[in-house]
PDB file of N, CA and C in Angstrom:
ATOM      1  N   UNK A   1      11.851   9.411  -2.359  1.00  0.00           N
ATOM      2  CA  UNK A   1      10.514   8.834  -2.351  1.00  0.00           C
ATOM      3  C   UNK A   1      10.418   7.837  -1.207  1.00  0.00           C
ATOM      4  N   UNK A   2      10.651   8.283  -0.001  1.00  0.00           N
ATOM      5  CA  UNK A   2      10.687   7.379   1.132  1.00  0.00           C
ATOM      6  C   UNK A   2       9.370   7.331   1.874  1.00  0.00           C
ATOM      7  N   UNK A   3       8.849   8.466   2.272  1.00  0.00           N
ATOM      8  CA  UNK A   3       7.570   8.493   2.979  1.00  0.00           C
ATOM      9  C   UNK A   3       6.592   9.369   2.240  1.00  0.00           C
ATOM     10  N   UNK A   4       5.362   8.917   2.144  1.00  0.00           N
ATOM     11  CA  UNK A   4       4.299   9.704   1.542  1.00  0.00           C
ATOM     12  C   UNK A   4       3.023   9.356   2.267  1.00  0.00           C
ATOM     13  N   UNK A   5       2.801   9.987   3.401  1.00  0.00           N
ATOM     14  CA  UNK A   5       1.649   9.615   4.196  1.00  0.00           C
ATOM     15  C   UNK A   5       0.629  10.709   4.269  1.00  0.00           C
ATOM     16  N   UNK A   6      -0.615  10.312   4.422  1.00  0.00           N
ATOM     17  CA  UNK A   6      -1.680  11.282   4.553  1.00  0.00           C
ATOM     18  C   UNK A   6      -1.917  11.669   5.996  1.00  0.00           C
ATOM     19  N   UNK A   7      -1.530  10.827   6.923  1.00  0.00           N
ATOM     20  CA  UNK A   7      -1.687  11.175   8.326  1.00  0.00           C
ATOM     21  C   UNK A   7      -0.317  11.127   8.963  1.00  0.00           C
ATOM     22  N   UNK A   8       0.005  12.147   9.713  1.00  0.00           N
ATOM     23  CA  UNK A   8       1.320  12.244  10.309  1.00  0.00           C
ATOM     24  C   UNK A   8       1.539  11.238  11.408  1.00  0.00           C
ATOM     25  N   UNK A   9       0.527  10.967  12.195  1.00  0.00           N
ATOM     26  CA  UNK A   9       0.700   9.988  13.263  1.00  0.00           C
ATOM     27  C   UNK A   9       0.028   8.690  12.885  1.00  0.00           C
ATOM     28  N   UNK A  10       0.147   7.764  13.791  1.00  0.00           N
ATOM     29  CA  UNK A  10      -0.425   6.448  13.556  1.00  0.00           C
ATOM     30  C   UNK A  10      -1.410   6.146  14.676  1.00  0.00           C
ATOM     31  N   UNK A  11      -2.614   6.751  14.606  1.00  0.00           N
ATOM     32  CA  UNK A  11      -3.591   6.536  15.662  1.00  0.00           C
ATOM     33  C   UNK A  11      -4.057   5.088  15.701  1.00  0.00           C
ATOM     34  N   UNK A  12      -4.505   4.677  16.864  1.00  0.00           N
ATOM     35  CA  UNK A  12      -4.993   3.313  17.027  1.00  0.00           C
ATOM     36  C   UNK A  12      -6.111   3.055  16.018  1.00  0.00           C
ATOM     37  N   UNK A  13      -6.014   1.934  15.320  1.00  0.00           N
ATOM     38  CA  UNK A  13      -7.017   1.585  14.328  1.00  0.00           C
ATOM     39  C   UNK A  13      -6.722   2.131  12.946  1.00  0.00           C
ATOM     40  N   UNK A  14      -5.661   2.913  12.793  1.00  0.00           N
ATOM     41  CA  UNK A  14      -5.322   3.462  11.484  1.00  0.00           C
ATOM     42  C   UNK A  14      -4.705   2.380  10.606  1.00  0.00           C
ATOM     43  N   UNK A  15      -4.826   2.570   9.317  1.00  0.00           N
ATOM     44  CA  UNK A  15      -4.248   1.646   8.356  1.00  0.00           C
ATOM     45  C   UNK A  15      -2.861   2.133   7.981  1.00  0.00           C
ATOM     46  N   UNK A  16      -1.886   1.249   8.095  1.00  0.00           N
ATOM     47  CA  UNK A  16      -0.516   1.563   7.728  1.00  0.00           C
ATOM     48  C   UNK A  16      -0.118   0.632   6.593  1.00  0.00           C
ATOM     49  N   UNK A  17       0.234   1.223   5.460  1.00  0.00           N
ATOM     50  CA  UNK A  17       0.618   0.467   4.276  1.00  0.00           C
ATOM     51  C   UNK A  17       2.056   0.795   3.902  1.00  0.00           C
ATOM     52  N   UNK A  18       2.768  -0.213   3.417  1.00  0.00           N
ATOM     53  CA  UNK A  18       4.108  -0.007   2.857  1.00  0.00           C
ATOM     54  C   UNK A  18       4.066  -0.532   1.426  1.00  0.00           C
ATOM     55  N   UNK A  19       4.375   0.345   0.479  1.00  0.00           N
ATOM     56  CA  UNK A  19       4.343  -0.007  -0.935  1.00  0.00           C
ATOM     57  C   UNK A  19       5.763  -0.065  -1.478  1.00  0.00           C
ATOM     58  N   UNK A  20       6.158  -1.247  -1.926  1.00  0.00           N
ATOM     59  CA  UNK A  20       7.455  -1.439  -2.558  1.00  0.00           C
ATOM     60  C   UNK A  20       7.247  -1.301  -4.063  1.00  0.00           C
ATOM     61  N   UNK A  21       7.991  -0.380  -4.682  1.00  0.00           N
ATOM     62  CA  UNK A  21       7.829  -0.157  -6.110  1.00  0.00           C
ATOM     63  C   UNK A  21       9.156   0.106  -6.778  1.00  0.00           C
ATOM     64  N   UNK A  22       9.133   0.045  -8.095  1.00  0.00           N
ATOM     65  CA  UNK A  22      10.299   0.385  -8.905  1.00  0.00           C
ATOM     66  C   UNK A  22       9.984   1.706  -9.584  1.00  0.00           C
ATOM     67  N   UNK A  23      10.640   2.757  -9.151  1.00  0.00           N
ATOM     68  CA  UNK A  23      10.370   4.094  -9.670  1.00  0.00           C
ATOM     69  C   UNK A  23      10.491   4.109 -11.185  1.00  0.00           C
ATOM     70  N   UNK A  24       9.484   4.648 -11.835  1.00  0.00           N
ATOM     71  CA  UNK A  24       9.493   4.733 -13.286  1.00  0.00           C
ATOM     72  C   UNK A  24       8.766   3.595 -13.977  1.00  0.00           C
ATOM     73  N   UNK A  25       8.504   2.510 -13.277  1.00  0.00           N
ATOM     74  CA  UNK A  25       7.790   1.386 -13.893  1.00  0.00           C
ATOM     75  C   UNK A  25       6.295   1.708 -13.946  1.00  0.00           C
ATOM     76  N   UNK A  26       5.651   1.513 -15.094  1.00  0.00           N
ATOM     77  CA  UNK A  26       4.232   1.845 -15.220  1.00  0.00           C
ATOM     78  C   UNK A  26       3.338   1.147 -14.193  1.00  0.00           C
ATOM     79  N   UNK A  27       3.603  -0.124 -13.913  1.00  0.00           N
ATOM     80  CA  UNK A  27       2.752  -0.831 -12.946  1.00  0.00           C
ATOM     81  C   UNK A  27       2.941  -0.270 -11.538  1.00  0.00           C
ATOM     82  N   UNK A  28       4.132   0.194 -11.221  1.00  0.00           N
ATOM     83  CA  UNK A  28       4.374   0.810  -9.910  1.00  0.00           C
ATOM     84  C   UNK A  28       3.650   2.142  -9.796  1.00  0.00           C
ATOM     85  N   UNK A  29       3.683   2.927 -10.861  1.00  0.00           N
ATOM     86  CA  UNK A  29       2.957   4.205 -10.864  1.00  0.00           C
ATOM     87  C   UNK A  29       1.461   3.975 -10.700  1.00  0.00           C
ATOM     88  N   UNK A  30       0.928   2.965 -11.387  1.00  0.00           N
ATOM     89  CA  UNK A  30      -0.507   2.637 -11.247  1.00  0.00           C
ATOM     90  C   UNK A  30      -0.821   2.166  -9.836  1.00  0.00           C
ATOM     91  N   UNK A  31       0.053   1.350  -9.255  1.00  0.00           N
ATOM     92  CA  UNK A  31      -0.175   0.855  -7.898  1.00  0.00           C
ATOM     93  C   UNK A  31      -0.233   2.013  -6.905  1.00  0.00           C
ATOM     94  N   UNK A  32       0.692   2.957  -7.028  1.00  0.00           N
ATOM     95  CA  UNK A  32       0.695   4.102  -6.121  1.00  0.00           C
ATOM     96  C   UNK A  32      -0.573   4.932  -6.293  1.00  0.00           C
ATOM     97  N   UNK A  33      -0.934   5.230  -7.535  1.00  0.00           N
ATOM     98  CA  UNK A  33      -2.141   6.029  -7.793  1.00  0.00           C
ATOM     99  C   UNK A  33      -3.386   5.310  -7.287  1.00  0.00           C
ATOM    100  N   UNK A  34      -3.477   4.016  -7.533  1.00  0.00           N
ATOM    101  CA  UNK A  34      -4.647   3.254  -7.081  1.00  0.00           C
ATOM    102  C   UNK A  34      -4.715   3.179  -5.563  1.00  0.00           C
ATOM    103  N   UNK A  35      -3.577   2.935  -4.917  1.00  0.00           N
ATOM    104  CA  UNK A  35      -3.570   2.875  -3.456  1.00  0.00           C
ATOM    105  C   UNK A  35      -3.969   4.217  -2.863  1.00  0.00           C
ATOM    106  N   UNK A  36      -3.433   5.288  -3.403  1.00  0.00           N
ATOM    107  CA  UNK A  36      -3.759   6.624  -2.914  1.00  0.00           C
ATOM    108  C   UNK A  36      -5.261   6.885  -3.044  1.00  0.00           C
ATOM    109  N   UNK A  37      -5.833   6.556  -4.196  1.00  0.00           N
ATOM    110  CA  UNK A  37      -7.268   6.773  -4.424  1.00  0.00           C
ATOM    111  C   UNK A  37      -8.112   5.917  -3.482  1.00  0.00           C
ATOM    112  N   UNK A  38      -7.731   4.676  -3.290  1.00  0.00           N
ATOM    113  CA  UNK A  38      -8.478   3.785  -2.388  1.00  0.00           C
ATOM    114  C   UNK A  38      -8.438   4.319  -0.965  1.00  0.00           C
ATOM    115  N   UNK A  39      -7.264   4.721  -0.518  1.00  0.00           N
ATOM    116  CA  UNK A  39      -7.145   5.241   0.850  1.00  0.00           C
ATOM    117  C   UNK A  39      -7.945   6.519   1.036  1.00  0.00           C
ATOM    118  N   UNK A  40      -7.897   7.416   0.058  1.00  0.00           N
ATOM    119  CA  UNK A  40      -8.666   8.669   0.158  1.00  0.00           C
ATOM    120  C   UNK A  40     -10.169   8.389   0.208  1.00  0.00           C
ATOM    121  N   UNK A  41     -10.611   7.372  -0.505  1.00  0.00           N
ATOM    122  CA  UNK A  41     -12.042   7.061  -0.551  1.00  0.00           C
ATOM    123  C   UNK A  41     -12.514   6.284   0.675  1.00  0.00           C
ATOM    124  N   UNK A  42     -11.779   5.254   1.064  1.00  0.00           N
ATOM    125  CA  UNK A  42     -12.246   4.346   2.104  1.00  0.00           C
ATOM    126  C   UNK A  42     -11.702   4.652   3.500  1.00  0.00           C
ATOM    127  N   UNK A  43     -10.544   5.284   3.602  1.00  0.00           N
ATOM    128  CA  UNK A  43      -9.931   5.574   4.904  1.00  0.00           C
ATOM    129  C   UNK A  43      -9.385   7.002   4.931  1.00  0.00           C
ATOM    130  N   UNK A  44     -10.218   8.005   4.663  1.00  0.00           N
ATOM    131  CA  UNK A  44      -9.704   9.367   4.457  1.00  0.00           C
ATOM    132  C   UNK A  44      -8.956   9.964   5.641  1.00  0.00           C
ATOM    133  N   UNK A  45      -9.297   9.598   6.836  1.00  0.00           N
ATOM    134  CA  UNK A  45      -8.662  10.195   8.016  1.00  0.00           C
ATOM    135  C   UNK A  45      -7.806   9.205   8.796  1.00  0.00           C
ATOM    136  N   UNK A  46      -7.645   8.002   8.271  1.00  0.00           N
ATOM    137  CA  UNK A  46      -6.994   6.983   9.102  1.00  0.00           C
ATOM    138  C   UNK A  46      -6.065   6.071   8.314  1.00  0.00           C
ATOM    139  N   UNK A  47      -5.141   6.678   7.561  1.00  0.00           N
ATOM    140  CA  UNK A  47      -4.185   5.851   6.840  1.00  0.00           C
ATOM    141  C   UNK A  47      -2.846   6.555   6.714  1.00  0.00           C
ATOM    142  N   UNK A  48      -1.834   5.740   6.477  1.00  0.00           N
ATOM    143  CA  UNK A  48      -0.487   6.232   6.209  1.00  0.00           C
ATOM    144  C   UNK A  48       0.129   5.304   5.175  1.00  0.00           C
ATOM    145  N   UNK A  49       0.791   5.894   4.202  1.00  0.00           N
ATOM    146  CA  UNK A  49       1.433   5.124   3.141  1.00  0.00           C
ATOM    147  C   UNK A  49       2.928   5.414   3.177  1.00  0.00           C
ATOM    148  N   UNK A  50       3.721   4.359   3.294  1.00  0.00           N
ATOM    149  CA  UNK A  50       5.166   4.487   3.195  1.00  0.00           C
ATOM    150  C   UNK A  50       5.578   3.870   1.864  1.00  0.00           C
ATOM    151  N   UNK A  51       6.349   4.600   1.091  1.00  0.00           N
ATOM    152  CA  UNK A  51       6.773   4.130  -0.224  1.00  0.00           C
ATOM    153  C   UNK A  51       8.262   3.793  -0.175  1.00  0.00           C
ATOM    154  N   UNK A  52       8.579   2.582  -0.635  1.00  0.00           N
ATOM    155  CA  UNK A  52       9.967   2.133  -0.719  1.00  0.00           C
ATOM    156  C   UNK A  52      10.294   1.907  -2.190  1.00  0.00           C
ATOM    157  N   UNK A  53      11.221   2.680  -2.724  1.00  0.00           N
ATOM    158  CA  UNK A  53      11.692   2.500  -4.087  1.00  0.00           C
ATOM    159  C   UNK A  53      12.823   1.467  -4.034  1.00  0.00           C
ATOM    160  N   UNK A  54      12.562   0.288  -4.564  1.00  0.00           N
ATOM    161  CA  UNK A  54      13.538  -0.802  -4.449  1.00  0.00           C
ATOM    162  C   UNK A  54      14.816  -0.540  -5.247  1.00  0.00           C
ATOM    163  N   UNK A  55      14.764   0.346  -6.219  1.00  0.00           N
ATOM    164  CA  UNK A  55      15.984   0.668  -6.955  1.00  0.00           C
ATOM    165  C   UNK A  55      16.917   1.544  -6.118  1.00  0.00           C
ATOM    166  N   UNK A  56      16.364   2.272  -5.156  1.00  0.00           N
ATOM    167  CA  UNK A  56      17.174   3.123  -4.283  1.00  0.00           C
ATOM    168  C   UNK A  56      17.454   2.468  -2.932  1.00  0.00           C
ATOM    169  N   UNK A  57      16.587   1.548  -2.514  1.00  0.00           N
ATOM    170  CA  UNK A  57      16.747   0.877  -1.224  1.00  0.00           C
ATOM    171  C   UNK A  57      16.559  -0.633  -1.374  1.00  0.00           C
ATOM    172  N   UNK A  58      17.414  -1.282  -2.153  1.00  0.00           N
ATOM    173  CA  UNK A  58      17.229  -2.709  -2.412  1.00  0.00           C
ATOM    174  C   UNK A  58      17.338  -3.581  -1.164  1.00  0.00           C
ATOM    175  N   UNK A  59      18.153  -3.180  -0.208  1.00  0.00           N
ATOM    176  CA  UNK A  59      18.299  -4.003   0.993  1.00  0.00           C
ATOM    177  C   UNK A  59      17.027  -4.043   1.830  1.00  0.00           C
ATOM    178  N   UNK A  60      16.270  -2.953   1.832  1.00  0.00           N
ATOM    179  CA  UNK A  60      14.995  -2.971   2.568  1.00  0.00           C
ATOM    180  C   UNK A  60      14.042  -3.987   1.949  1.00  0.00           C
ATOM    181  N   UNK A  61      14.013  -4.045   0.629  1.00  0.00           N
ATOM    182  CA  UNK A  61      13.163  -5.029  -0.043  1.00  0.00           C
ATOM    183  C   UNK A  61      13.637  -6.444   0.249  1.00  0.00           C
ATOM    184  N   UNK A  62      14.928  -6.670   0.171  1.00  0.00           N
ATOM    185  CA  UNK A  62      15.460  -7.999   0.454  1.00  0.00           C
ATOM    186  C   UNK A  62      15.212  -8.410   1.898  1.00  0.00           C
ATOM    187  N   UNK A  63      15.406  -7.482   2.833  1.00  0.00           N
ATOM    188  CA  UNK A  63      15.156  -7.783   4.250  1.00  0.00           C
ATOM    189  C   UNK A  63      13.709  -8.179   4.498  1.00  0.00           C
ATOM    190  N   UNK A  64      12.804  -7.606   3.713  1.00  0.00           N
ATOM    191  CA  UNK A  64      11.376  -7.903   3.864  1.00  0.00           C
ATOM    192  C   UNK A  64      10.936  -9.051   2.955  1.00  0.00           C
ATOM    193  N   UNK A  65      11.880  -9.667   2.249  1.00  0.00           N
ATOM    194  CA  UNK A  65      11.600 -10.770   1.317  1.00  0.00           C
ATOM    195  C   UNK A  65      10.637 -10.328   0.213  1.00  0.00           C
ATOM    196  N   UNK A  66      10.849  -9.120  -0.300  1.00  0.00           N
ATOM    197  CA  UNK A  66      10.057  -8.604  -1.418  1.00  0.00           C
ATOM    198  C   UNK A  66      10.881  -8.814  -2.683  1.00  0.00           C
ATOM    199  N   UNK A  67      10.339  -9.625  -3.605  1.00  0.00           N
ATOM    200  CA  UNK A  67      11.065  -9.962  -4.820  1.00  0.00           C
ATOM    201  C   UNK A  67      10.358  -9.486  -6.081  1.00  0.00           C
ATOM    202  N   UNK A  68       9.129  -9.007  -5.949  1.00  0.00           N
ATOM    203  CA  UNK A  68       8.354  -8.503  -7.081  1.00  0.00           C
ATOM    204  C   UNK A  68       7.847  -7.114  -6.755  1.00  0.00           C
ATOM    205  N   UNK A  69       7.747  -6.273  -7.782  1.00  0.00           N
ATOM    206  CA  UNK A  69       7.133  -4.966  -7.594  1.00  0.00           C
ATOM    207  C   UNK A  69       6.036  -4.790  -8.635  1.00  0.00           C
ATOM    208  N   UNK A  70       5.034  -4.055  -8.288  1.00  0.00           N
ATOM    209  CA  UNK A  70       4.769  -3.472  -6.979  1.00  0.00           C
ATOM    210  C   UNK A  70       4.222  -4.510  -5.999  1.00  0.00           C
ATOM    211  N   UNK A  71       4.615  -4.374  -4.748  1.00  0.00           N
ATOM    212  CA  UNK A  71       4.092  -5.196  -3.657  1.00  0.00           C
ATOM    213  C   UNK A  71       3.638  -4.268  -2.546  1.00  0.00           C
ATOM    214  N   UNK A  72       2.417  -4.488  -2.093  1.00  0.00           N
ATOM    215  CA  UNK A  72       1.864  -3.717  -0.988  1.00  0.00           C
ATOM    216  C   UNK A  72       1.845  -4.595   0.253  1.00  0.00           C
ATOM    217  N   UNK A  73       2.284  -4.038   1.373  1.00  0.00           N
ATOM    218  CA  UNK A  73       2.207  -4.726   2.659  1.00  0.00           C
ATOM    219  C   UNK A  73       1.298  -3.903   3.565  1.00  0.00           C
ATOM    220  N   UNK A  74       0.251  -4.543   4.069  1.00  0.00           N
ATOM    221  CA  UNK A  74      -0.598  -3.901   5.085  1.00  0.00           C
ATOM    222  C   UNK A  74       0.015  -4.272   6.419  1.00  0.00           C
ATOM    223  N   UNK A  75       0.573  -3.270   7.085  1.00  0.00           N
ATOM    224  CA  UNK A  75       1.251  -3.504   8.358  1.00  0.00           C
ATOM    225  C   UNK A  75       0.303  -3.425   9.541  1.00  0.00           C
ATOM    226  N   UNK A  76      -0.681  -2.566   9.430  1.00  0.00           N
ATOM    227  CA  UNK A  76      -1.605  -2.353  10.537  1.00  0.00           C
ATOM    228  C   UNK A  76      -2.957  -1.972   9.971  1.00  0.00           C
ATOM    229  N   UNK A  77      -4.025  -2.433  10.564  1.00  0.00           N
ATOM    230  CA  UNK A  77      -4.078  -3.326  11.717  1.00  0.00           C
ATOM    231  C   UNK A  77      -3.651  -4.745  11.334  1.00  0.00           C
ATOM    232  N   UNK A  78      -3.241  -5.478  12.349  1.00  0.00           N
ATOM    233  CA  UNK A  78      -2.831  -6.860  12.146  1.00  0.00           C
ATOM    234  C   UNK A  78      -4.005  -7.705  11.713  1.00  0.00           C
ATOM    235  N   UNK A  79      -3.818  -8.775  11.008  1.00  0.00           N
ATOM    236  CA  UNK A  79      -2.547  -9.399  10.648  1.00  0.00           C
ATOM    237  C   UNK A  79      -1.905  -8.687   9.462  1.00  0.00           C
ATOM    238  N   UNK A  80      -0.578  -8.751   9.424  1.00  0.00           N
ATOM    239  CA  UNK A  80       0.159  -8.202   8.291  1.00  0.00           C
ATOM    240  C   UNK A  80      -0.152  -9.044   7.068  1.00  0.00           C
ATOM    241  N   UNK A  81      -0.366  -8.363   5.929  1.00  0.00           N
ATOM    242  CA  UNK A  81      -0.697  -9.079   4.697  1.00  0.00           C
ATOM    243  C   UNK A  81      -0.018  -8.415   3.518  1.00  0.00           C
ATOM    244  N   UNK A  82       0.172  -9.189   2.445  1.00  0.00           N
ATOM    245  CA  UNK A  82       0.801  -8.681   1.228  1.00  0.00           C
ATOM    246  C   UNK A  82      -0.088  -8.918   0.029  1.00  0.00           C
ATOM    247  N   UNK A  83       0.029  -8.013  -0.934  1.00  0.00           N
ATOM    248  CA  UNK A  83      -0.632  -8.197  -2.220  1.00  0.00           C
ATOM    249  C   UNK A  83       0.309  -7.662  -3.297  1.00  0.00           C
ATOM    250  N   UNK A  84       0.432  -8.405  -4.391  1.00  0.00           N
ATOM    251  CA  UNK A  84       1.316  -8.029  -5.482  1.00  0.00           C
ATOM    252  C   UNK A  84       0.463  -7.603  -6.663  1.00  0.00           C
ATOM    253  N   UNK A  85       0.835  -6.506  -7.307  1.00  0.00           N
ATOM    254  CA  UNK A  85       0.121  -6.040  -8.490  1.00  0.00           C
ATOM    255  C   UNK A  85      -0.162  -4.556  -8.415  1.00  0.00           C
ATOM    256  N   UNK A  86      -0.893  -4.075  -9.419  1.00  0.00           N
ATOM    257  CA  UNK A  86      -1.117  -2.631  -9.515  1.00  0.00           C
ATOM    258  C   UNK A  86      -2.361  -2.135  -8.784  1.00  0.00           C
ATOM    259  N   UNK A  87      -3.046  -3.024  -8.080  1.00  0.00           N
ATOM    260  CA  UNK A  87      -4.193  -2.672  -7.218  1.00  0.00           C
ATOM    261  C   UNK A  87      -5.350  -2.061  -7.999  1.00  0.00           C
ATOM    262  N   UNK A  88      -5.483  -2.441  -9.265  1.00  0.00           N
ATOM    263  CA  UNK A  88      -6.523  -1.853 -10.107  1.00  0.00           C
ATOM    264  C   UNK A  88      -7.919  -2.421  -9.838  1.00  0.00           C
ATOM    265  N   UNK A  89      -8.010  -3.576  -9.229  1.00  0.00           N
ATOM    266  CA  UNK A  89      -9.302  -4.184  -8.897  1.00  0.00           C
ATOM    267  C   UNK A  89      -9.627  -3.836  -7.442  1.00  0.00           C
ATOM    268  N   UNK A  90     -10.276  -2.708  -7.236  1.00  0.00           N
ATOM    269  CA  UNK A  90     -10.486  -2.184  -5.888  1.00  0.00           C
ATOM    270  C   UNK A  90     -11.193  -3.168  -4.972  1.00  0.00           C
ATOM    271  N   UNK A  91     -12.303  -3.734  -5.414  1.00  0.00           N
ATOM    272  CA  UNK A  91     -13.057  -4.653  -4.559  1.00  0.00           C
ATOM    273  C   UNK A  91     -12.233  -5.889  -4.220  1.00  0.00           C
ATOM    274  N   UNK A  92     -11.508  -6.409  -5.189  1.00  0.00           N
ATOM    275  CA  UNK A  92     -10.649  -7.572  -4.942  1.00  0.00           C
ATOM    276  C   UNK A  92      -9.526  -7.219  -3.973  1.00  0.00           C
ATOM    277  N   UNK A  93      -8.971  -6.033  -4.144  1.00  0.00           N
ATOM    278  CA  UNK A  93      -7.918  -5.557  -3.244  1.00  0.00           C
ATOM    279  C   UNK A  93      -8.436  -5.482  -1.813  1.00  0.00           C
ATOM    280  N   UNK A  94      -9.579  -4.844  -1.613  1.00  0.00           N
ATOM    281  CA  UNK A  94     -10.142  -4.712  -0.272  1.00  0.00           C
ATOM    282  C   UNK A  94     -10.470  -6.076   0.321  1.00  0.00           C
ATOM    283  N   UNK A  95     -11.053  -6.932  -0.476  1.00  0.00           N
ATOM    284  CA  UNK A  95     -11.421  -8.274  -0.006  1.00  0.00           C
ATOM    285  C   UNK A  95     -10.177  -9.096   0.333  1.00  0.00           C
ATOM    286  N   UNK A  96      -9.158  -9.027  -0.518  1.00  0.00           N
ATOM    287  CA  UNK A  96      -7.940  -9.811  -0.301  1.00  0.00           C
ATOM    288  C   UNK A  96      -7.249  -9.443   1.006  1.00  0.00           C
ATOM    289  N   UNK A  97      -7.296  -8.179   1.369  1.00  0.00           N
ATOM    290  CA  UNK A  97      -6.651  -7.753   2.601  1.00  0.00           C
ATOM    291  C   UNK A  97      -7.599  -7.746   3.790  1.00  0.00           C
ATOM    292  N   UNK A  98      -8.825  -8.187   3.572  1.00  0.00           N
ATOM    293  CA  UNK A  98      -9.778  -8.245   4.674  1.00  0.00           C
ATOM    294  C   UNK A  98     -10.178  -6.876   5.184  1.00  0.00           C
ATOM    295  N   UNK A  99     -10.182  -5.888   4.288  1.00  0.00           N
ATOM    296  CA  UNK A  99     -10.516  -4.523   4.686  1.00  0.00           C
ATOM    297  C   UNK A  99     -11.998  -4.260   4.468  1.00  0.00           C
ATOM    298  N   UNK A 100     -12.561  -3.363   5.278  1.00  0.00           N
ATOM    299  CA  UNK A 100     -13.987  -3.058   5.110  1.00  0.00           C
ATOM    300  C   UNK A 100     -14.238  -2.368   3.782  1.00  0.00           C
ATOM    301  N   UNK A 101     -15.346  -2.730   3.150  1.00  0.00           N
ATOM    302  CA  UNK A 101     -15.723  -2.113   1.884  1.00  0.00           C
ATOM    303  C   UNK A 101     -17.213  -2.273   1.676  1.00  0.00           C
ATOM    304  N   UNK A 102     -17.719  -1.507   0.741  1.00  0.00           N
ATOM    305  CA  UNK A 102     -19.114  -1.629   0.328  1.00  0.00           C
ATOM    306  C   UNK A 102     -19.110  -1.821  -1.164  1.00  0.00           C
ATOM    307  N   UNK A 103     -19.910  -2.750  -1.646  1.00  0.00           N
ATOM    308  CA  UNK A 103     -19.916  -3.078  -3.070  1.00  0.00           C
ATOM    309  C   UNK A 103     -20.240  -1.881  -3.957  1.00  0.00           C
ATOM    310  N   UNK A 104     -21.161  -1.038  -3.554  1.00  0.00           N
ATOM    311  CA  UNK A 104     -21.615   0.073  -4.412  1.00  0.00           C
ATOM    312  C   UNK A 104     -21.329   1.416  -3.817  1.00  0.00           C
ATOM    313  N   UNK A 105     -20.199   1.584  -3.190  1.00  0.00           N
ATOM    314  CA  UNK A 105     -19.868   2.873  -2.569  1.00  0.00           C
ATOM    315  C   UNK A 105     -19.374   3.845  -3.594  1.00  0.00           C
TER     316      UNK A 105
END
């Protein structure tokens, strides 16, 4: 469960997300499903999701100072930002990361 991206390349202006999760944990499963749905709805042609299972790659999480799961890191576009949780509040998620959204889309 290392890479799961919708776009093979990383075109300029594309959204690049890294999701740190604990495989099998309900909140991690919800975070992945919610992130996937948000990306398909709001960035259908311009996103990539990298998934890091901290139980299989703990050093990657430690190197990135990730101590809680699920944690999402928006790597691109800059600035890099983090959000912890299952991403169930779509509008709050978009607002917290400074991403474009519409209230009634």
